[in-house]
Amino acid sequence: IEAWNVSAQTNFRNAARYLIAPSTGAGDVVITWSAAADESCGGVVVFTGVDQTTPIDTPPTPANGNDNAPTINVASAVNDLVVDNYYGGRKTLTVGAGQTSRWTQDPIGASNVAGACSTELGAATVTMSWSAAAGTLGWIIGGASINPSAAPPPVDVTQWNSPTESIVLEPETVVSY
């Protein structure tokens, strides 16, 4: 499993994983926490039609801050699909214009934090953003441009839960897709 956007911001860690050329059919995603799963969350989005040689372009360095406008600029191209992942303060999140929310959830044991993921069709540069209720909690956001196996169409997306459904993933949780 390859990783992109593994980064930390003071109290938050943000990581994304992908699998090149997975087997077809039903499968499981197992999330195993290396320590106590306090204020932890995870989500799964399945992409099809992805280039298996170069599935993503070089992602930007994750952005972080303490304001209510988590934002990252991702270099992309027409027919690509940009994906972001957010973790941080402020449970009330609104996805940025032009983006499709793929999942949002409140982590285990969290009082003021949330995780989220969205996608947007590619262009030269795509700004991925969320707006959050005002506050002083920190956040971290990462993003990447997913390359299609052929152009067009852009990558198809299947999400494992609705964008507003909250799912708590305990250690050793299995998510079937």
Protein backbone atom coordinates (compact mmCIF):
# COMPACT_ATOMS: atom_id res chain seq x y z
CA ILE A 1 0.00 0.00 0.00
CA GLU A 2 1.40 3.35 -1.04
CA ALA A 3 0.99 6.49 1.06
CA TRP A 4 0.56 10.16 0.27
CA ASN A 5 0.20 13.19 2.49
CA VAL A 6 1.53 11.65 5.65
CA SER A 7 2.07 14.69 7.80
CA ALA A 8 1.52 16.02 11.28
CA GLN A 9 0.43 19.40 12.60
CA THR A 10 1.08 19.93 16.32
CA ASN A 11 -1.77 17.72 17.58
CA PHE A 12 -3.10 16.22 14.33
CA ARG A 13 -1.83 13.58 11.92
CA ASN A 14 -3.19 13.17 8.41
CA ALA A 15 -2.45 10.22 6.14
CA ALA A 16 -3.93 8.72 3.00
CA ARG A 17 -3.27 5.31 1.50
CA TYR A 18 -3.95 3.70 -1.87
CA LEU A 19 -3.55 0.25 -3.38
CA ILE A 20 -2.24 -0.25 -6.92
CA ALA A 21 -3.92 -2.96 -9.01
CA PRO A 22 -6.07 -4.47 -6.26
CA SER A 23 -7.90 -7.71 -6.86
CA THR A 24 -11.40 -7.32 -8.27
CA GLY A 25 -14.59 -8.15 -6.41
CA ALA A 26 -15.62 -7.63 -2.82
CA GLY A 27 -12.93 -6.93 -0.28
CA ASP A 28 -12.24 -5.61 3.18
CA VAL A 29 -10.38 -2.58 4.42
CA VAL A 30 -9.00 -3.15 7.91
CA ILE A 31 -7.83 -0.16 9.93
CA THR A 32 -5.53 -1.06 12.80
CA TRP A 33 -4.56 1.73 15.17
CA SER A 34 -1.02 1.54 16.53
CA ALA A 35 -2.12 3.06 19.84
CA ALA A 36 -5.32 3.93 21.64
CA ALA A 37 -7.90 5.15 19.13
CA ASP A 38 -8.66 8.41 20.89
CA GLU A 39 -9.98 11.08 18.51
CA SER A 40 -9.19 8.93 15.47
CA CYS A 41 -11.20 8.41 12.31
CA GLY A 42 -10.90 6.86 8.89
CA GLY A 43 -12.86 6.69 5.68
CA VAL A 44 -12.77 4.71 2.47
CA VAL A 45 -13.42 5.83 -1.09
CA VAL A 46 -13.01 3.36 -3.96
CA PHE A 47 -11.88 4.76 -7.32
CA THR A 48 -12.11 2.84 -10.62
CA GLY A 49 -10.64 3.77 -13.98
CA VAL A 50 -7.35 4.82 -12.38
CA ASP A 51 -3.98 4.60 -14.17
CA GLN A 52 -2.23 1.65 -12.50
CA THR A 53 1.29 2.74 -13.45
CA THR A 54 1.04 6.31 -12.15
CA PRO A 55 -2.17 6.50 -10.10
CA ILE A 56 -1.44 9.93 -8.59
CA ASP A 57 0.76 12.89 -9.41
CA THR A 58 3.20 14.17 -6.80
CA PRO A 59 0.95 15.56 -4.05
CA PRO A 60 1.58 18.94 -2.49
CA THR A 61 2.83 19.26 1.06
CA PRO A 62 -0.18 19.11 3.37
CA ALA A 63 -1.41 22.49 4.57
CA ASN A 64 -2.27 23.31 8.16
CA GLY A 65 -3.54 26.22 10.16
CA ASN A 66 -5.72 27.53 12.95
CA ASP A 67 -8.36 29.49 11.04
CA ASN A 68 -11.79 28.44 9.78
CA ALA A 69 -10.83 28.01 6.10
CA PRO A 70 -8.83 24.79 5.55
CA THR A 71 -7.46 25.03 1.98
CA ILE A 72 -4.88 23.31 -0.23
CA ASN A 73 -3.95 23.88 -3.89
CA VAL A 74 -3.38 20.70 -5.91
CA ALA A 75 -1.66 20.66 -9.32
CA SER A 76 -3.83 18.58 -11.64
CA ALA A 77 -5.03 18.30 -15.25
CA VAL A 78 -8.27 18.05 -17.20
CA ASN A 79 -9.72 14.50 -16.89
CA ASP A 80 -7.96 13.91 -13.56
CA LEU A 81 -9.86 13.78 -10.29
CA VAL A 82 -8.59 15.64 -7.23
CA VAL A 83 -9.20 14.17 -3.78
CA ASP A 84 -8.60 15.78 -0.39
CA ASN A 85 -8.59 14.57 3.18
CA TYR A 86 -9.14 16.83 6.19
CA TYR A 87 -8.72 16.27 9.89
CA GLY A 88 -8.93 18.83 12.63
CA GLY A 89 -11.01 21.11 14.72
CA ARG A 90 -14.58 22.19 14.14
CA LYS A 91 -17.17 19.47 13.70
CA THR A 92 -19.41 21.63 11.50
CA LEU A 93 -17.81 21.52 8.04
CA THR A 94 -19.08 22.73 4.67
CA VAL A 95 -17.41 21.38 1.53
CA GLY A 96 -15.93 23.93 -0.89
CA ALA A 97 -17.63 25.10 -4.08
CA GLY A 98 -17.38 22.58 -6.93
CA GLN A 99 -16.38 19.73 -4.62
CA THR A 100 -18.36 16.60 -3.79
CA SER A 101 -18.24 15.47 -0.17
CA ARG A 102 -17.35 11.76 0.01
CA TRP A 103 -17.43 11.23 3.76
CA THR A 104 -17.41 13.17 6.99
CA GLN A 105 -17.32 11.78 10.49
CA ASP A 106 -16.73 12.53 14.12
CA PRO A 107 -13.78 10.52 15.46
CA ILE A 108 -13.73 8.20 18.43
CA GLY A 109 -13.83 10.15 21.69
CA ALA A 110 -13.76 13.51 19.92
CA SER A 111 -15.41 16.61 21.23
CA ASN A 112 -14.43 19.27 18.71
CA VAL A 113 -12.80 17.51 15.76
CA ALA A 114 -13.84 15.80 12.53
CA GLY A 115 -12.44 14.03 9.48
CA ALA A 116 -13.64 14.52 5.91
CA CYS A 117 -12.91 13.75 2.26
CA SER A 118 -14.06 15.31 -1.01
CA THR A 119 -13.34 15.19 -4.75
CA GLU A 120 -13.38 17.67 -7.62
CA LEU A 121 -12.73 17.36 -11.35
CA GLY A 122 -9.20 18.25 -12.37
CA ALA A 123 -7.88 21.47 -13.91
CA ALA A 124 -4.40 23.05 -13.99
CA THR A 125 -4.69 23.88 -10.28
CA VAL A 126 -7.60 22.85 -8.09
CA THR A 127 -8.22 24.54 -4.76
CA MET A 128 -9.68 22.09 -2.26
CA SER A 129 -11.32 23.76 0.70
CA TRP A 130 -13.71 23.41 3.58
CA SER A 131 -15.33 26.09 5.66
CA ALA A 132 -15.66 25.46 9.35
CA ALA A 133 -17.37 27.08 12.29
CA ALA A 134 -15.15 29.72 13.85
CA GLY A 135 -12.82 28.61 16.59
CA THR A 136 -9.19 28.23 17.51
CA LEU A 137 -8.58 24.53 16.95
CA GLY A 138 -5.97 23.49 14.40
CA TRP A 139 -6.47 21.54 11.19
CA ILE A 140 -4.49 19.68 8.51
CA ILE A 141 -5.55 19.02 4.91
CA GLY A 142 -3.90 17.00 2.16
CA GLY A 143 -4.74 16.39 -1.46
CA ALA A 144 -3.70 14.57 -4.61
CA SER A 145 -4.57 14.40 -8.30
CA ILE A 146 -5.71 10.95 -9.44
CA ASN A 147 -4.79 10.03 -13.02
CA PRO A 148 -7.38 8.26 -15.18
CA SER A 149 -6.46 5.11 -17.11
CA ALA A 150 -7.81 6.74 -20.28
CA ALA A 151 -9.06 10.24 -21.05
CA PRO A 152 -12.00 10.88 -20.87
CA PRO A 153 -13.93 9.91 -18.73
CA PRO A 154 -12.68 10.98 -15.33
CA VAL A 155 -12.30 8.41 -12.59
CA ASP A 156 -15.50 6.83 -11.24
CA VAL A 157 -16.00 7.02 -7.49
CA THR A 158 -17.81 4.72 -5.09
CA GLN A 159 -18.05 5.78 -1.48
CA TRP A 160 -18.78 3.40 1.36
CA ASN A 161 -21.10 5.69 3.31
CA SER A 162 -23.18 8.75 2.61
CA PRO A 163 -21.47 12.13 3.06
CA THR A 164 -23.55 12.88 6.15
CA GLU A 165 -23.40 9.47 7.80
CA SER A 166 -21.18 9.24 10.85
CA ILE A 167 -19.36 5.94 11.24
CA VAL A 168 -17.04 5.20 14.13
CA LEU A 169 -14.17 2.86 13.29
CA GLU A 170 -12.93 0.95 16.28
CA PRO A 171 -9.54 -0.80 16.17
CA GLU A 172 -9.58 -3.76 13.77
CA THR A 173 -12.72 -2.43 12.05
CA VAL A 174 -13.47 -4.13 8.76
CA VAL A 175 -15.16 -2.05 6.06
CA SER A 176 -16.58 -4.14 3.22
CA TYR A 177 -16.96 -2.73 -0.24
